[in-house]
Protein backbone atom coordinates (compact mmCIF):
# COMPACT_ATOMS: atom_id res chain seq x y z
CA MET A 1 31.12 -177.69 -106.54
CA PHE A 2 33.97 -175.92 -108.56
CA GLU A 3 33.60 -178.36 -111.48
CA GLY A 4 36.29 -178.07 -113.94
CA PHE A 5 38.70 -176.22 -111.47
CA ALA A 6 42.16 -177.38 -111.01
CA VAL A 7 43.21 -177.85 -107.37
CA GLU A 8 46.71 -177.31 -106.14
CA ASP A 9 48.67 -176.82 -102.99
CA LEU A 10 51.55 -174.36 -103.97
CA ALA A 11 54.52 -173.79 -101.77
CA VAL A 12 55.13 -170.02 -101.56
CA GLY A 13 57.77 -169.04 -99.19
CA ASP A 14 57.00 -169.97 -95.70
CA ALA A 15 53.27 -170.94 -96.48
CA VAL A 16 51.42 -173.66 -98.57
CA ILE A 17 48.51 -172.24 -100.26
CA HIS A 18 45.49 -174.29 -101.49
CA VAL A 19 44.22 -172.92 -104.67
CA ARG A 20 41.42 -173.60 -107.21
CA HIS A 21 41.76 -172.01 -110.68
CA ALA A 22 40.20 -172.36 -114.05
CA GLY A 23 39.37 -170.46 -117.31
CA ARG A 24 41.25 -168.28 -119.74
CA GLY A 25 41.20 -164.62 -120.40
CA ARG A 26 41.69 -161.77 -117.91
CA ALA A 27 42.62 -162.95 -114.53
CA VAL A 28 40.42 -162.25 -111.35
CA LEU A 29 41.63 -163.37 -107.77
CA LEU A 30 38.86 -163.93 -105.33
CA LEU A 31 39.59 -163.65 -101.57
CA HIS A 32 37.31 -164.97 -98.86
CA GLY A 33 36.78 -163.57 -95.38
CA HIS A 34 36.68 -164.91 -91.83
CA PRO A 35 35.90 -167.63 -90.84
CA ARG A 36 35.42 -168.96 -94.39
CA THR A 37 37.53 -170.32 -97.22
CA GLY A 38 37.66 -170.34 -100.92
CA ALA A 39 34.62 -172.37 -100.91
CA THR A 40 32.57 -169.21 -100.24
CA TRP A 41 32.92 -168.31 -103.92
CA HIS A 42 31.49 -171.66 -105.15
CA ARG A 43 28.73 -169.67 -107.07
CA ILE A 44 30.51 -166.79 -108.24
CA ALA A 45 33.73 -168.38 -109.47
CA PRO A 46 32.12 -170.65 -112.23
CA ALA A 47 30.00 -167.86 -113.39
CA LEU A 48 33.06 -165.60 -114.01
CA VAL A 49 34.84 -168.49 -115.83
CA GLU A 50 31.61 -168.65 -118.10
CA LEU A 51 31.95 -164.88 -118.78
CA GLY A 52 35.49 -165.49 -120.02
CA PHE A 53 37.80 -164.70 -117.04
CA ARG A 54 40.58 -166.69 -115.62
CA VAL A 55 39.60 -167.17 -111.87
CA VAL A 56 41.89 -168.11 -109.05
CA VAL A 57 40.41 -168.95 -105.61
CA PRO A 58 42.90 -169.56 -102.68
CA ASP A 59 42.28 -170.33 -99.09
CA LEU A 60 44.24 -167.64 -97.28
CA ARG A 61 47.17 -168.89 -95.15
CA GLY A 62 46.13 -170.28 -91.87
CA GLN A 63 42.53 -170.87 -93.04
CA GLY A 64 40.87 -173.94 -94.73
CA ALA A 65 43.52 -176.16 -96.46
CA SER A 66 46.30 -173.60 -96.62
CA ARG A 67 49.02 -173.51 -94.04
CA GLY A 68 51.31 -170.79 -92.65
CA PRO A 69 54.40 -170.66 -90.38
CA ALA A 70 54.25 -170.55 -86.58
CA PRO A 71 53.13 -167.27 -84.96
CA ALA A 72 55.65 -164.81 -84.09
CA ALA A 73 55.81 -162.19 -81.16
CA ASP A 74 55.29 -159.39 -83.80
CA HIS A 75 52.32 -161.17 -85.44
CA ALA A 76 54.02 -160.59 -88.88
CA PRO A 77 53.28 -164.12 -90.21
CA ALA A 78 49.56 -163.30 -89.81
CA SER A 79 49.71 -159.73 -91.23
CA LYS A 80 47.82 -158.75 -94.44
CA ARG A 81 51.13 -158.06 -95.89
CA ALA A 82 52.38 -161.49 -95.49
CA MET A 83 49.20 -162.86 -96.99
CA GLY A 84 49.43 -160.54 -99.92
CA ARG A 85 53.03 -161.75 -100.62
CA ASP A 86 51.74 -165.39 -100.68
CA LEU A 87 49.15 -164.46 -103.31
CA VAL A 88 51.42 -162.55 -105.53
CA ALA A 89 53.68 -165.64 -105.36
CA VAL A 90 50.50 -167.84 -106.26
CA MET A 91 49.90 -165.73 -109.38
CA ASP A 92 53.53 -165.87 -110.34
CA ALA A 93 53.39 -169.69 -110.03
CA LEU A 94 50.35 -169.87 -112.34
CA GLY A 95 52.06 -167.50 -114.95
CA ILE A 96 49.70 -164.43 -114.26
CA GLY A 97 51.22 -161.05 -114.28
CA ARG A 98 48.59 -158.50 -113.96
CA PHE A 99 45.07 -159.29 -112.40
CA SER A 100 42.08 -157.90 -110.56
CA ILE A 101 41.02 -158.66 -107.19
CA ALA A 102 37.64 -159.07 -105.39
CA GLY A 103 37.99 -159.32 -101.67
CA HIS A 104 35.34 -159.86 -98.94
CA ASP A 105 35.73 -159.10 -95.25
CA ARG A 106 39.33 -160.01 -94.22
CA GLY A 107 40.06 -160.76 -97.88
CA SER A 108 39.21 -157.13 -98.66
CA TYR A 109 41.85 -156.00 -96.15
CA VAL A 110 44.36 -158.23 -97.96
CA ALA A 111 43.39 -156.97 -101.28
CA TYR A 112 43.78 -153.41 -100.16
CA ARG A 113 47.11 -154.05 -98.65
CA MET A 114 48.20 -155.81 -102.06
CA ALA A 115 47.18 -152.75 -103.86
CA MET A 116 49.46 -150.51 -101.75
CA ASP A 117 52.40 -152.98 -101.83
CA HIS A 118 51.93 -154.24 -105.47
CA PRO A 119 50.07 -151.59 -107.35
CA ARG A 120 51.73 -152.58 -110.73
CA ARG A 121 50.27 -156.06 -110.60
CA LEU A 122 46.67 -154.85 -110.20
CA ASN A 123 44.04 -153.85 -112.87
CA ARG A 124 40.98 -153.36 -110.75
CA LEU A 125 40.05 -153.68 -107.00
CA ALA A 126 36.65 -154.50 -105.53
CA LEU A 127 36.44 -154.28 -101.72
CA LEU A 128 33.29 -155.76 -100.21
CA ASP A 129 32.43 -155.00 -96.58
CA CYS A 130 35.68 -153.04 -96.19
CA LEU A 131 36.35 -149.88 -94.21
CA PRO A 132 39.89 -148.85 -93.16
CA ILE A 133 40.32 -150.43 -89.58
CA VAL A 134 41.88 -147.17 -88.40
CA GLU A 135 38.67 -145.43 -89.15
CA HIS A 136 36.88 -147.82 -86.74
CA LEU A 137 39.39 -147.56 -84.06
CA GLU A 138 39.89 -143.89 -83.93
CA ARG A 139 36.21 -143.54 -83.37
CA THR A 140 35.71 -146.44 -81.10
CA ASP A 141 32.89 -145.76 -78.51
CA GLU A 142 30.75 -147.97 -76.18
CA ALA A 143 28.36 -148.73 -79.08
CA PHE A 144 30.89 -149.96 -81.43
CA ALA A 145 33.06 -151.91 -78.68
CA THR A 146 29.72 -153.58 -77.65
CA ALA A 147 28.84 -154.46 -81.30
CA TRP A 148 32.33 -155.53 -82.43
CA TRP A 149 33.69 -156.96 -79.01
CA HIS A 150 35.01 -160.00 -80.82
CA TRP A 151 37.96 -157.83 -82.46
CA PHE A 152 39.25 -156.99 -79.04
CA PHE A 153 38.51 -160.57 -77.68
CA TYR A 154 40.62 -162.15 -80.48
CA ALA A 155 43.53 -159.79 -79.57
CA GLN A 156 43.95 -161.33 -76.08
CA PRO A 157 46.68 -163.91 -75.42
CA ASP A 158 45.71 -167.62 -75.42
CA ILE A 159 42.11 -167.30 -74.11
CA PRO A 160 40.21 -167.11 -77.53
CA GLU A 161 41.85 -170.49 -78.66
CA ARG A 162 40.56 -172.16 -75.40
CA VAL A 163 37.17 -170.85 -75.66
CA ILE A 164 36.59 -171.30 -79.34
CA ASN A 165 38.06 -174.74 -79.56
CA ALA A 166 35.58 -175.82 -76.88
CA ASP A 167 32.94 -175.70 -79.40
CA PRO A 168 33.82 -174.06 -82.70
CA GLU A 169 30.59 -174.87 -84.41
CA ALA A 170 28.60 -173.16 -81.74
CA TRP A 171 30.93 -170.13 -81.71
CA TYR A 172 30.62 -169.55 -85.40
CA HIS A 173 26.78 -170.59 -85.69
CA GLY A 174 27.22 -172.55 -88.86
CA ASP A 175 23.98 -173.71 -90.39
CA PRO A 176 24.33 -176.51 -93.11
CA GLU A 177 20.65 -176.27 -93.78
CA ARG A 178 20.83 -172.47 -94.68
CA MET A 179 24.34 -172.53 -96.30
CA GLY A 180 24.18 -175.91 -97.91
CA ARG A 181 26.11 -179.03 -97.01
CA LYS A 182 28.52 -178.58 -100.07
CA ILE A 183 29.56 -175.12 -98.77
CA GLU A 184 29.26 -176.10 -95.18
CA VAL A 185 31.82 -178.89 -94.89
CA PRO A 186 34.74 -177.05 -96.36
CA LEU A 187 34.21 -174.26 -94.05
CA LEU A 188 34.55 -176.40 -90.95
CA PRO A 189 38.42 -176.45 -91.05
CA ALA A 190 38.45 -172.71 -91.12
CA ARG A 191 36.59 -172.80 -87.84
CA ARG A 192 39.36 -174.54 -86.08
CA PRO A 193 41.35 -171.54 -85.00
CA ARG A 194 44.99 -172.41 -85.33
CA THR A 195 46.79 -169.53 -83.78
CA ALA A 196 48.03 -168.11 -87.07
CA ALA A 197 44.44 -167.76 -88.31
CA ARG A 198 42.93 -166.21 -85.29
CA ARG A 199 45.71 -163.96 -84.73
CA SER A 200 45.26 -162.60 -88.09
CA GLY A 201 41.77 -161.68 -86.84
CA GLY A 202 43.05 -160.43 -83.53
CA ASP A 203 45.58 -158.12 -85.03
CA LEU A 204 42.60 -156.12 -86.45
CA ALA A 205 42.53 -154.53 -83.07
CA ARG A 206 46.16 -153.56 -83.43
CA MET A 207 46.34 -152.44 -87.08
CA GLY A 208 45.63 -148.86 -86.51
CA ARG A 209 48.37 -148.54 -83.83
CA GLY A 210 51.10 -150.92 -85.12
CA ARG A 211 53.25 -151.97 -88.16
CA GLU A 212 50.65 -151.67 -90.69
CA ARG A 213 49.86 -147.92 -89.98
CA PRO A 214 51.40 -146.60 -93.15
CA TRP A 215 48.51 -148.28 -95.13
CA HIS A 216 46.19 -145.80 -93.56
CA ARG A 217 47.24 -142.45 -95.03
CA PHE A 218 43.99 -140.56 -94.88
CA ARG A 219 41.39 -139.33 -92.42
CA ALA A 220 37.62 -139.04 -93.37
CA PRO A 221 34.60 -138.89 -91.27
CA TYR A 222 32.05 -141.70 -91.68
CA GLY A 223 29.05 -143.25 -89.87
CA ARG A 224 26.14 -145.43 -90.21
CA GLY A 225 24.96 -144.77 -93.90
CA ARG A 226 27.75 -142.54 -94.91
CA ALA A 227 30.95 -144.47 -95.59
CA GLY A 228 31.49 -142.46 -98.66
CA GLY A 229 33.87 -140.12 -97.15
CA ALA A 230 36.24 -142.80 -96.05
CA HIS A 231 36.13 -144.34 -99.35
CA ARG A 232 36.82 -141.20 -101.15
CA GLY A 233 39.91 -141.04 -98.91
CA ALA A 234 40.68 -144.60 -99.90
CA ARG A 235 40.62 -143.54 -103.58
CA ARG A 236 43.05 -140.72 -102.83
CA VAL A 237 45.46 -143.10 -101.32
CA LEU A 238 45.32 -145.33 -104.40
CA ARG A 239 45.33 -142.46 -106.90
CA GLY A 240 48.24 -142.63 -109.10
CA ARG A 241 48.60 -146.43 -108.95
CA PRO A 242 49.27 -147.21 -112.75
CA GLY A 243 46.07 -148.53 -114.48
CA MET A 244 44.03 -149.42 -111.31
CA THR A 245 40.57 -148.74 -110.53
CA MET A 246 38.61 -149.45 -107.33
CA SER A 247 35.04 -149.91 -106.27
CA VAL A 248 33.89 -150.34 -102.75
CA VAL A 249 30.73 -152.00 -101.01
CA ALA A 250 30.79 -151.49 -97.38
CA ARG A 251 28.86 -151.17 -94.06
CA GLY A 252 29.81 -148.78 -91.47
CA PRO A 253 29.44 -149.39 -87.78
């Protein structure tokens, strides 16, 4: 898996980011979701190298083999902005100026935050399974809260760590037969919910109300099967970012 990729642990500020990278040409940064690691891209990354891209595949801070600082009362070390700063520093360390990003799940929110904070560094942005979280929260009803209860569970103090650590594999329903042992084994560390990693998920329940609110500068209706309105709003937010284009693949609640 990841044959021909260099593997490094790069110290970037208050974090150490585990990263795989290979290839030459236009740079692409691939960001995984929760509860995964960079290993989730084990088929995509080599294919992109073969197509002539330079590919960078990190583990986000607090997940997989990457490490972050101790949690803080305001959860800032687990914010998408902090994760984005890590990754800009990683690209600097690798000598990469401008690059494109494909982010999935939690990685898509990190990518979106990076597009807002570092627009001059990005060429293209692909967001997979991504809707602005404020769009979820401001339309929360019984059906949404029932289907996505884990968002609000993660936001509770102390209890999620105790519950999940009692049996992480059962909680995350890992299936090595379906996923393949090569991908399953690297994912196991991501399922041990160090507080920083879990809080970055728990903060999803706060993002529409707290420090990252300026990220969400638009309102657009959406529902099952019609997420396009929210994405048109997202494009308005990013319009004018120099040289950047965006594509979105998402599922509404």
